[in-house]
Protein backbone atom coordinates (compact mmCIF):
# COMPACT_ATOMS: atom_id res chain seq x y z
CA MET A 1 19.91 139.67 86.04
CA GLY A 2 22.17 142.64 85.31
CA GLU A 3 23.77 144.90 87.90
CA TRP A 4 23.63 148.67 87.40
CA THR A 5 25.59 151.77 88.28
CA ILE A 6 23.64 154.69 89.71
CA GLY A 7 24.72 156.98 86.90
CA ASP A 8 23.50 154.54 84.26
CA VAL A 9 20.09 154.41 85.94
CA VAL A 10 19.79 158.21 85.85
CA ASP A 11 20.75 158.25 82.16
CA ALA A 12 18.22 155.51 81.40
CA ILE A 13 15.46 157.50 83.11
CA ALA A 14 16.48 160.66 81.24
CA ASP A 15 16.09 158.82 77.93
CA VAL A 16 12.32 158.48 78.46
CA ILE A 17 11.23 161.31 80.78
CA PRO A 18 13.86 164.04 80.19
CA ASP A 19 11.50 166.92 81.00
CA ARG A 20 10.17 165.51 84.28
CA THR A 21 11.52 167.30 87.36
CA MET A 22 14.14 165.26 89.19
CA THR A 23 15.20 167.59 92.04
CA VAL A 24 14.07 170.89 93.54
CA CYS A 25 16.12 172.94 96.00
CA GLY A 26 15.00 176.48 96.73
CA ASP A 27 14.45 178.17 93.37
CA ARG A 28 16.48 175.55 91.48
CA ARG A 29 14.52 172.93 89.51
CA THR A 30 16.46 170.31 87.59
CA GLY A 31 14.89 167.88 85.13
CA TYR A 32 16.17 164.38 84.46
CA GLY A 33 17.55 165.35 81.07
CA GLU A 34 19.40 168.36 82.44
CA MET A 35 20.73 166.32 85.38
CA ALA A 36 21.99 163.57 83.07
CA ASP A 37 23.76 166.13 80.89
CA ARG A 38 25.30 168.18 83.69
CA THR A 39 26.55 165.15 85.60
CA ARG A 40 28.01 163.64 82.42
CA ARG A 41 29.87 166.90 81.77
CA PHE A 42 31.15 167.12 85.35
CA GLY A 43 32.21 163.48 85.24
CA ASN A 44 34.15 164.11 82.04
CA PHE A 45 35.77 167.19 83.58
CA LEU A 46 36.98 165.07 86.51
CA ALA A 47 38.15 162.30 84.19
CA ASP A 48 40.07 164.80 82.04
CA SER A 49 41.71 165.98 85.28
CA GLY A 50 43.04 162.44 85.75
CA LEU A 51 40.46 161.05 88.17
CA GLY A 52 38.94 157.61 87.90
CA ALA A 53 39.45 153.94 88.70
CA HIS A 54 43.04 152.73 88.59
CA VAL A 55 42.85 149.21 90.04
CA ASP A 56 40.06 146.71 89.30
CA ARG A 57 38.00 145.61 92.28
CA ALA A 58 39.07 142.01 91.75
CA GLY A 59 42.65 143.00 92.55
CA LEU A 60 41.80 144.70 95.84
CA ARG A 61 41.07 143.58 99.38
CA ASN A 62 37.79 144.65 100.94
CA TRP A 63 39.26 147.63 102.79
CA GLU A 64 41.20 148.90 99.78
CA CYS A 65 40.04 151.45 97.23
CA GLY A 66 41.50 151.64 93.74
CA GLN A 67 39.58 154.79 92.81
CA ASP A 68 40.28 158.47 93.42
CA ARG A 69 38.28 160.17 96.16
CA VAL A 70 36.40 163.49 95.96
CA ALA A 71 35.51 165.14 99.29
CA LEU A 72 32.15 166.94 99.44
CA VAL A 73 32.07 169.82 101.95
CA MET A 74 28.62 170.92 100.91
CA TYR A 75 25.14 172.01 101.83
CA ASN A 76 22.21 170.17 100.23
CA ASP A 77 21.96 172.35 97.12
CA ARG A 78 23.54 170.55 94.13
CA TYR A 79 24.72 167.71 96.35
CA PRO A 80 23.03 164.97 94.23
CA GLU A 81 24.50 166.52 91.08
CA VAL A 82 28.05 166.40 92.43
CA VAL A 83 27.63 162.84 93.73
CA LEU A 84 26.40 161.65 90.34
CA GLY A 85 29.17 163.48 88.49
CA CYS A 86 31.79 161.80 90.66
CA LEU A 87 30.26 158.37 90.11
CA LYS A 88 30.17 158.92 86.34
CA ALA A 89 33.89 159.72 86.44
CA ARG A 90 34.45 156.46 88.36
CA ALA A 91 35.66 158.59 91.29
CA VAL A 92 34.41 158.11 94.85
CA PRO A 93 32.31 160.90 96.43
CA VAL A 94 32.97 161.17 100.18
CA ASN A 95 30.64 163.02 102.56
CA VAL A 96 32.21 165.50 104.99
CA ASN A 97 30.19 166.77 107.94
CA HIS A 98 30.37 170.56 107.67
CA HIS A 99 29.30 170.91 111.32
CA TYR A 100 32.73 169.62 112.30
CA THR A 101 35.44 172.00 113.48
CA PRO A 102 38.34 172.76 111.13
CA ARG A 103 40.55 170.38 113.12
CA GLU A 104 38.05 167.55 112.76
CA VAL A 105 37.64 168.17 109.02
CA ALA A 106 41.42 168.22 108.61
CA GLU A 107 41.68 164.84 110.36
CA LEU A 108 38.92 163.37 108.19
CA LEU A 109 40.49 164.61 104.96
CA ALA A 110 43.91 163.32 106.02
CA TYR A 111 42.27 159.90 106.32
CA VAL A 112 40.31 160.07 103.06
CA LYS A 113 43.16 161.60 100.99
CA PRO A 114 40.96 163.24 98.32
CA ARG A 115 42.38 164.43 95.01
CA VAL A 116 39.52 166.92 94.66
CA VAL A 117 37.48 168.88 97.22
CA VAL A 118 34.08 170.32 96.23
CA TYR A 119 32.83 172.98 98.65
CA HIS A 120 30.17 175.65 98.97
CA ARG A 121 31.84 179.06 99.16
CA ALA A 122 30.55 179.89 102.67
CA LEU A 123 31.97 176.59 103.93
CA GLY A 124 35.21 177.34 102.13
CA ALA A 125 35.48 180.45 104.29
CA LYS A 126 34.85 178.37 107.43
CA PHE A 127 37.53 175.87 106.49
CA ALA A 128 39.90 178.28 104.71
CA ASP A 129 42.85 177.18 106.85
CA VAL A 130 42.16 173.50 106.18
CA LEU A 131 41.01 172.85 102.63
CA PRO A 132 44.08 174.17 100.79
CA GLU A 133 46.26 171.98 103.04
CA THR A 134 44.59 168.68 102.23
CA GLY A 135 46.97 167.78 99.42
CA ALA A 136 44.05 167.88 96.97
CA GLU A 137 45.07 168.82 93.45
CA LEU A 138 41.84 170.66 92.68
CA LEU A 139 39.28 172.75 94.58
CA VAL A 140 35.81 173.18 93.08
CA ALA A 141 33.70 176.05 94.45
CA VAL A 142 29.89 175.94 94.48
CA ASP A 143 28.02 179.25 94.43
CA ASP A 144 25.77 179.51 97.49
CA GLY A 145 24.69 183.13 97.17
CA SER A 146 27.03 184.25 99.96
CA ASP A 147 29.61 187.01 99.80
CA ALA A 148 32.39 184.54 100.57
CA PRO A 149 35.00 184.51 97.80
CA PRO A 150 36.25 181.20 96.38
CA LEU A 151 39.49 179.85 97.80
CA PRO A 152 42.57 180.73 95.73
CA GLY A 153 43.07 178.41 92.76
CA SER A 154 39.49 177.13 92.77
CA VAL A 155 37.40 176.48 89.68
CA SER A 156 33.67 177.09 89.91
CA LEU A 157 31.35 174.11 89.56
CA ASP A 158 29.55 175.79 86.67
CA ASP A 159 32.84 176.38 84.83
CA ALA A 160 33.87 172.76 85.45
CA ILE A 161 30.58 171.54 83.97
CA ALA A 162 30.94 173.88 80.98
CA GLN A 163 34.41 172.49 80.30
CA GLY A 164 33.27 168.87 80.39
CA HIS A 165 32.58 166.89 77.22
CA SER A 166 28.85 166.75 76.55
CA GLU A 167 28.57 163.43 74.72
CA ARG A 168 31.27 161.05 75.94
CA ARG A 169 30.00 158.41 78.36
CA ILE A 170 32.54 156.75 80.62
CA ALA A 171 31.82 153.06 81.05
CA GLY A 172 31.54 152.42 84.76
CA SER A 173 31.30 149.16 86.68
CA PRO A 174 28.81 147.94 89.30
CA ASP A 175 31.95 147.23 91.34
CA ASP A 176 32.78 150.94 91.48
CA VAL A 177 32.35 152.15 95.06
CA ILE A 178 30.70 154.95 96.96
CA MET A 179 31.92 155.88 100.44
CA TYR A 180 29.78 156.92 103.39
CA CYS A 181 31.84 158.39 106.23
CA THR A 182 30.58 157.63 109.69
CA GLY A 183 32.19 158.14 113.09
CA GLY A 184 34.21 155.52 114.98
CA THR A 185 33.80 154.54 118.61
CA THR A 186 36.57 156.95 119.67
CA GLY A 187 35.66 159.64 117.18
CA ARG A 188 37.99 158.43 114.43
CA PRO A 189 36.01 158.51 111.20
CA LYS A 190 35.47 155.40 109.13
CA GLY A 191 34.66 155.33 105.44
CA VAL A 192 32.17 152.57 104.62
CA LEU A 193 32.88 151.19 101.13
CA TRP A 194 29.81 150.04 99.20
CA ARG A 195 29.71 148.66 95.69
CA GLN A 196 27.39 150.92 93.72
CA SER A 197 25.14 148.07 92.68
CA ASP A 198 24.77 146.89 96.26
CA THR A 199 23.88 150.27 97.74
CA TYR A 200 21.43 150.84 94.86
CA VAL A 201 19.57 147.63 95.71
CA SER A 202 19.96 147.77 99.51
CA SER A 203 19.11 151.41 100.20
CA MET A 204 17.74 153.07 97.04
CA VAL A 205 14.87 150.68 96.25
CA GLY A 206 16.73 149.48 93.18
CA ALA A 207 16.97 146.07 91.53
CA ASP A 208 19.08 143.99 89.18
CA HIS A 209 17.22 145.05 86.05
CA ALA A 210 17.43 142.50 83.27
CA THR A 211 17.10 145.19 80.60
CA VAL A 212 16.83 148.94 80.36
CA ASP A 213 13.18 148.45 79.39
CA GLU A 214 12.41 147.52 83.01
CA ILE A 215 13.65 150.93 84.14
CA HIS A 216 11.76 152.71 81.36
CA ASP A 217 8.50 150.95 82.19
CA LYS A 218 8.88 151.61 85.92
CA VAL A 219 9.41 155.35 85.65
CA ARG A 220 6.74 155.88 82.99
CA ARG A 221 4.19 154.36 85.39
CA ASN A 222 5.49 156.08 88.51
CA VAL A 223 3.79 159.48 88.48
CA GLY A 224 3.05 159.96 92.18
CA PRO A 225 3.52 163.10 94.29
CA PRO A 226 7.03 164.40 95.10
CA TRP A 227 9.14 163.26 98.01
CA PHE A 228 10.75 165.78 100.36
CA ALA A 229 14.18 165.05 101.87
CA VAL A 230 14.31 167.43 104.82
CA SER A 231 17.31 165.72 106.39
CA PRO A 232 20.89 166.70 105.40
CA LEU A 233 22.33 164.85 102.40
CA MET A 234 25.80 164.71 103.96
CA HIS A 235 24.36 161.84 106.01
CA ALA A 236 23.66 158.60 104.17
CA ALA A 237 19.98 158.44 105.13
CA GLY A 238 19.23 161.77 103.47
CA LEU A 239 21.03 160.80 100.29
CA TRP A 240 19.19 157.47 100.21
CA THR A 241 15.87 159.33 100.36
CA VAL A 242 16.80 161.46 97.36
CA PHE A 243 17.95 158.55 95.24
CA SER A 244 15.16 156.21 96.35
CA GLY A 245 12.65 158.69 94.98
CA SER A 246 14.50 160.04 91.96
CA LEU A 247 15.76 156.66 90.73
CA ALA A 248 12.12 155.57 90.73
CA GLY A 249 11.16 158.53 88.53
CA LEU A 250 9.66 160.75 91.24
CA PRO A 251 10.50 164.42 91.77
CA VAL A 252 12.38 164.95 95.04
CA ILE A 253 12.42 168.21 97.00
CA VAL A 254 15.71 168.84 98.79
CA TYR A 255 15.61 171.12 101.82
CA ASP A 256 17.76 174.22 101.34
CA ASP A 257 19.89 173.98 104.49
CA ARG A 258 22.10 177.02 103.93
CA ALA A 259 20.15 178.71 106.74
CA LYS A 260 19.11 177.40 110.16
CA PHE A 261 16.35 174.79 110.23
CA ASP A 262 13.04 176.58 109.68
CA PRO A 263 9.90 174.51 110.35
CA ALA A 264 7.67 177.11 108.66
CA ALA A 265 9.79 176.89 105.50
CA VAL A 266 9.57 173.09 105.59
CA LEU A 267 5.79 173.00 105.93
CA SER A 268 5.13 175.78 103.42
CA THR A 269 7.33 173.93 100.91
CA ALA A 270 5.43 170.70 101.52
CA GLU A 271 2.17 172.57 101.01
CA ARG A 272 3.30 174.37 97.84
CA GLU A 273 4.84 171.30 96.19
CA LYS A 274 2.00 168.97 97.28
CA VAL A 275 4.51 166.56 98.81
CA GLY A 276 3.49 162.95 99.36
CA LEU A 277 6.32 161.64 101.52
CA MET A 278 8.64 163.64 103.78
CA THR A 279 11.69 162.48 105.74
CA MET A 280 13.17 164.01 108.88
CA VAL A 281 15.61 163.27 111.70
CA GLY A 282 13.89 162.27 114.92
CA ASP A 283 12.89 164.63 117.71
CA ALA A 284 15.22 167.43 116.63
CA TYR A 285 12.94 167.98 113.63
CA ALA A 286 9.66 166.61 114.98
CA ALA A 287 9.37 168.97 117.96
CA PRO A 288 9.68 172.28 116.04
CA LEU A 289 7.45 170.97 113.24
CA ILE A 290 4.73 170.12 115.77
CA GLU A 291 5.02 173.58 117.31
CA GLU A 292 4.63 175.18 113.90
CA LEU A 293 1.63 173.01 113.06
CA GLY A 294 0.06 174.32 116.24
CA ARG A 295 0.67 177.94 115.23
CA THR A 296 -0.29 177.91 111.55
CA ASP A 297 -2.69 175.98 109.34
CA TYR A 298 -1.18 174.26 106.31
CA ASP A 299 -2.90 172.32 103.54
CA LEU A 300 -1.01 169.04 103.74
CA THR A 301 -3.75 166.75 102.43
CA SER A 302 -1.34 165.35 99.82
CA LEU A 303 1.05 164.11 102.54
CA TYR A 304 0.60 160.39 103.11
CA ALA A 305 3.77 159.45 105.00
CA ILE A 306 6.56 160.92 107.12
CA GLY A 307 9.74 158.90 107.37
CA THR A 308 11.97 159.40 110.39
CA GLY A 309 15.42 157.97 110.91
CA GLY A 310 18.93 158.80 112.07
CA ALA A 311 17.61 159.29 115.62
CA ALA A 312 14.75 158.02 117.72
CA THR A 313 11.41 159.83 117.65
CA ASN A 314 9.62 160.13 120.97
CA PRO A 315 6.23 158.34 120.90
CA LYS A 316 4.72 161.54 122.28
CA HIS A 317 5.87 163.40 119.17
CA VAL A 318 4.62 160.62 116.90
CA ALA A 319 1.18 160.88 118.53
CA ALA A 320 1.19 164.67 118.20
CA ILE A 321 1.98 164.50 114.48
CA LEU A 322 -0.76 161.95 113.92
CA GLU A 323 -3.20 164.15 115.84
CA LYS A 324 -2.39 167.07 113.53
CA LEU A 325 -2.13 164.96 110.36
CA PRO A 326 -4.44 161.96 110.87
CA GLN A 327 -4.05 160.71 107.29
CA VAL A 328 -0.30 160.23 107.65
CA THR A 329 1.65 157.04 108.32
CA ILE A 330 4.80 157.53 110.38
CA ILE A 331 7.56 155.28 109.05
CA ASN A 332 10.38 154.70 111.51
CA GLY A 333 13.44 153.70 109.53
CA TYR A 334 16.14 151.50 110.99
CA GLY A 335 19.61 151.19 109.56
CA SER A 336 23.07 152.68 109.39
CA SER A 337 25.81 153.54 106.93
CA GLU A 338 27.08 149.99 107.38
CA THR A 339 23.78 148.11 107.04
CA GLY A 340 21.82 150.30 104.64
CA ASN A 341 18.05 150.62 105.06
CA MET A 342 17.21 147.34 106.73
CA GLY A 343 14.02 147.79 108.70
CA PHE A 344 10.84 149.86 109.00
CA GLY A 345 8.15 150.35 111.64
CA HIS A 346 4.77 151.85 110.74
CA ASN A 347 2.56 153.88 113.03
CA GLN A 348 -0.87 155.29 112.26
CA ARG A 349 -3.40 157.19 114.31
CA GLY A 350 -4.75 154.91 117.01
CA SER A 351 -1.99 152.34 116.70
CA HIS A 352 1.63 152.08 117.82
CA ARG A 353 4.26 149.49 116.93
CA GLU A 354 7.51 148.96 118.78
CA THR A 355 9.06 146.44 116.39
CA PHE A 356 10.50 146.67 112.88
CA ASP A 357 9.82 144.71 109.72
CA LEU A 358 13.18 143.57 108.40
CA ARG A 359 14.16 143.94 104.77
CA GLU A 360 15.92 141.17 102.86
CA GLY A 361 19.11 140.09 104.60
CA GLY A 362 18.15 141.48 108.03
CA MET A 363 18.74 138.93 110.80
CA VAL A 364 19.84 138.50 114.41
CA VAL A 365 22.86 136.45 115.46
CA SER A 366 23.67 135.02 118.86
CA ASP A 367 25.61 136.97 121.46
CA ASP A 368 28.79 134.99 120.64
CA LEU A 369 28.36 135.57 116.87
CA THR A 370 28.28 131.84 116.12
CA ARG A 371 24.73 131.25 114.83
CA PHE A 372 21.59 132.92 113.50
CA VAL A 373 18.72 133.38 115.96
CA ALA A 374 15.31 132.01 114.98
CA PRO A 375 12.07 134.01 115.39
CA GLY A 376 10.60 133.62 118.87
CA GLU A 377 13.88 132.53 120.48
CA ASP A 378 14.49 133.90 123.94
CA GLU A 379 17.87 135.42 123.14
CA VAL A 380 19.06 138.98 122.85
CA GLY A 381 21.74 138.98 120.20
CA TRP A 382 23.19 141.30 117.57
CA VAL A 383 21.40 142.79 114.59
CA VAL A 384 23.19 141.82 111.38
CA ARG A 385 22.60 141.92 107.67
CA THR A 386 23.80 139.48 105.09
CA GLY A 387 23.68 139.46 101.31
CA ARG A 388 24.19 142.89 99.75
CA ILE A 389 26.37 144.56 102.37
CA PRO A 390 29.46 146.81 102.25
CA LEU A 391 32.91 145.61 101.32
CA GLY A 392 34.42 147.02 104.49
CA TYR A 393 35.99 150.10 106.06
CA PHE A 394 38.39 152.10 103.92
CA ASP A 395 42.02 151.55 104.91
CA ASP A 396 41.11 149.64 108.08
CA GLU A 397 41.74 145.91 107.92
CA ALA A 398 41.15 145.31 111.65
CA ALA A 399 37.80 147.09 111.83
CA THR A 400 36.68 145.41 108.62
CA GLY A 401 37.40 142.00 110.12
CA THR A 402 35.53 142.82 113.33
CA THR A 403 32.42 144.39 111.81
CA PHE A 404 32.10 142.01 108.84
CA PRO A 405 32.60 138.49 110.28
CA VAL A 406 31.43 135.17 108.85
CA VAL A 407 28.55 133.40 110.65
CA GLU A 408 27.53 129.89 109.61
CA GLY A 409 29.40 130.35 106.36
CA ARG A 410 27.74 133.68 105.49
CA ARG A 411 29.47 137.06 105.59
CA VAL A 412 27.48 139.55 107.68
CA VAL A 413 27.72 143.14 108.87
CA VAL A 414 27.24 143.57 112.62
CA SER A 415 25.26 146.74 113.33
CA GLY A 416 26.31 147.14 116.98
CA ASP A 417 22.67 147.04 118.12
CA ARG A 418 21.28 144.45 120.51
CA ALA A 419 17.93 142.91 119.58
CA SER A 420 15.73 139.84 119.48
CA LEU A 421 13.34 138.40 116.92
CA GLU A 422 9.65 138.22 117.80
CA ALA A 423 7.70 135.09 116.89
CA ASP A 424 6.29 136.91 113.83
CA GLY A 425 9.83 137.66 112.58
CA THR A 426 9.82 141.35 113.46
CA LEU A 427 12.81 142.95 115.18
CA ARG A 428 12.73 144.25 118.76
CA LEU A 429 15.59 146.65 119.42
CA PHE A 430 17.23 147.05 122.82
CA GLY A 431 19.77 149.73 121.92
CA ARG A 432 23.36 150.36 121.01
CA ASP A 433 25.98 148.28 122.66
CA SER A 434 28.71 150.82 122.07
CA LEU A 435 28.92 154.13 123.84
CA VAL A 436 27.25 156.33 121.27
CA ILE A 437 24.87 159.23 121.87
CA ASN A 438 22.52 160.02 119.00
CA THR A 439 21.55 163.66 119.38
CA GLY A 440 19.44 165.32 116.72
CA GLY A 441 20.61 162.84 114.10
CA GLU A 442 24.31 163.38 114.89
CA LYS A 443 26.45 160.71 116.52
CA VAL A 444 28.55 161.67 119.52
CA PHE A 445 31.15 159.25 120.82
CA VAL A 446 31.58 159.75 124.52
CA GLU A 447 35.26 158.89 124.77
CA GLU A 448 36.13 161.73 122.40
CA VAL A 449 34.23 164.29 124.50
CA GLU A 450 35.60 162.88 127.74
CA ALA A 451 39.15 163.26 126.48
CA VAL A 452 38.63 166.97 125.84
CA ILE A 453 37.04 167.60 129.25
CA ARG A 454 39.59 165.58 131.17
CA ALA A 455 42.39 167.54 129.53
CA HIS A 456 41.26 170.69 131.36
CA ALA A 457 43.56 171.54 134.25
CA GLY A 458 40.69 171.87 136.68
CA VAL A 459 39.17 168.42 135.99
CA ALA A 460 40.09 165.30 137.91
CA ASP A 461 37.78 162.93 136.04
CA ALA A 462 34.72 163.00 133.83
CA LEU A 463 32.17 160.73 132.19
CA VAL A 464 29.83 161.62 129.36
CA VAL A 465 26.44 160.00 128.83
CA GLY A 466 23.24 160.51 126.89
CA ARG A 467 20.07 161.65 128.59
CA GLU A 468 16.55 161.49 127.15
CA SER A 469 15.51 164.77 125.59
CA GLU A 470 12.20 165.84 124.09
CA ARG A 471 13.99 168.11 121.62
CA TRP A 472 17.05 166.06 120.62
CA GLY A 473 16.07 162.47 121.34
CA GLN A 474 19.18 162.32 123.50
CA GLU A 475 21.27 165.16 124.85
CA VAL A 476 24.92 165.03 125.88
CA VAL A 477 25.56 165.37 129.62
CA ALA A 478 28.93 165.41 131.39
CA LEU A 479 29.52 164.38 135.00
CA VAL A 480 32.63 166.16 136.20
CA GLU A 481 34.85 165.71 139.24
CA ARG A 482 36.82 168.88 139.94
CA ARG A 483 40.39 168.85 141.11
CA PRO A 484 40.77 169.99 144.73
CA ASP A 485 40.91 173.72 145.26
CA THR A 486 39.82 174.55 141.72
CA ALA A 487 36.78 176.49 140.63
CA VAL A 488 36.29 175.33 137.04
CA ASP A 489 32.71 175.95 135.95
CA ALA A 490 30.35 174.84 133.19
CA GLU A 491 31.02 177.92 131.06
CA ALA A 492 34.75 177.20 130.95
CA LEU A 493 34.23 173.55 130.09
CA HIS A 494 31.70 174.35 127.37
CA ALA A 495 34.18 176.81 125.86
CA VAL A 496 36.95 174.22 125.70
CA CYS A 497 34.58 171.68 124.14
CA VAL A 498 33.42 173.94 121.31
CA GLU A 499 37.04 174.96 120.73
CA HIS A 500 38.06 171.37 120.01
CA LEU A 501 34.83 169.69 118.92
CA ALA A 502 31.82 170.29 116.71
CA ARG A 503 29.25 172.28 118.69
CA PHE A 504 26.70 169.44 118.69
CA LYS A 505 29.20 167.31 120.63
CA ALA A 506 29.46 169.79 123.51
CA PRO A 507 27.44 168.70 126.58
CA LYS A 508 24.12 170.45 127.09
CA GLU A 509 24.75 170.27 130.84
CA PHE A 510 27.73 169.76 133.16
CA LEU A 511 26.95 168.09 136.48
CA PHE A 512 29.63 168.52 139.13
CA VAL A 513 29.92 165.51 141.46
CA GLU A 514 32.05 164.78 144.51
CA ARG A 515 33.60 161.77 142.79
CA VAL A 516 33.18 160.08 139.43
CA ARG A 517 32.40 156.45 140.14
CA ARG A 518 34.41 153.70 138.51
CA LEU A 519 34.21 149.94 138.78
CA GLY A 520 36.73 147.80 140.62
CA ASN A 521 38.71 147.22 137.42
CA GLY A 522 38.96 150.97 136.81
CA LYS A 523 36.40 151.02 134.03
CA ALA A 524 33.78 153.73 134.00
CA ASP A 525 30.51 153.04 135.77
CA TYR A 526 28.21 154.32 133.04
CA ARG A 527 25.13 152.82 134.66
CA TRP A 528 25.67 155.08 137.66
CA ALA A 529 26.46 158.04 135.42
CA LYS A 530 23.27 157.66 133.40
CA ALA A 531 21.18 157.34 136.55
CA GLU A 532 22.74 160.51 137.98
CA ALA A 533 22.15 162.44 134.78
CA GLN A 534 18.53 161.30 134.52
CA ALA A 535 17.86 162.12 138.17
CA VAL A 536 18.53 165.81 137.56
CA SER A 537 16.81 165.91 134.15
CA ARG A 538 15.72 169.41 133.32
């Protein structure tokens, strides 16, 4: 069976259905033929600028990257186009969270070391003091309809595409990588390196096609309703939705996220485009969508499934959606940037499942990481995946060794989640082992927030925990011990947090306590902290 690059799959689809719509974002509709042409041109522009693969994968260790990186500081519009263009140039597209502060973006780019940065003009204005200082040789500006001017020395994306050769096809390799940046346990970002072929099969519903005819036959037959990726594409799950649909020959609607999340815009788009499947991020999206469904009637009879991932969805919200849309199946996705899409739970009206069906390679290993757990065993171990998994973490040998160990002779990726296997082989999750708060689809690492709060002159100690939230799934809460004779208040601490951190990392509430409890060894007593936070839940 042959392995495929993502760009080659798009070109193969364009050969047989060039006029079929591939992506829609706002008023922009792009067919497969146009997408294949524009991404080929952009790839050639990057290659003519000197970007590409310089060291074969066989000569590299798992945490090393022999290809040039391109940082994407972008909204959803034209995101798939830029990703594909980078891949066709044999460069590595790298997602950058534009909700970060300039300091956080600067730290991420210093780690990634991109040769090119592609940015929407409004985001260029936000990061104007950062992007020109990255050491990148080229800035590419994407028109977003704003009044923000491009950064000095930038070339527009449209000009770059116009300059690119229209016919030349660069021969890529299935070993070429794509990088998904995710946070580390202390806030330090990590770039997860995936071979293109592996991420195509693991998370984009691809396969090792023996011939191009298999792709042609698949997309000719696949004429179902469009998919709608409501979630941001700068997170891996959103990008996987787009490519899972479009690489199967289906049109994919991409939510135009240049403005604040608008549930009415989401539902009217789903109605107008007669969407079949829609994806969202947990309670942060579910709650406002339910409210809007209660206010306005929409014809959503074409909608057969809603996928939710990136954050937990409250069962109450699942039931409310199914009450409003009884024909829909709610698909709870389980996975991460490191594991890919590895499990799904299905809920329909009148039924509720708490376990996940594992995809190929999904398993549980024992607590000591020495053996695989069998279905029905009475052991809570670690969720892992084997087979088509990432190479490792970019430029981080130690973390690669820890997260990608060998168990019973098989290399695995350890997700960080604790779980057991039911007798029927389904996965029962017990939660993250590390101190991570998942709020509205964004990961917050408590040690990073604690460091900022504790640095305040009026704070003696502080712990940060997650508390259940109907709106966000979890919300960030800080328990703070003031220094004697100081009057620091919540407003001051919130201000210092948003000065140094992305706004979503700032605690929703600050609880002032007489003393922050720690264990005998000096470690934080997070069990106490979570109980305190929950006891005063708003």
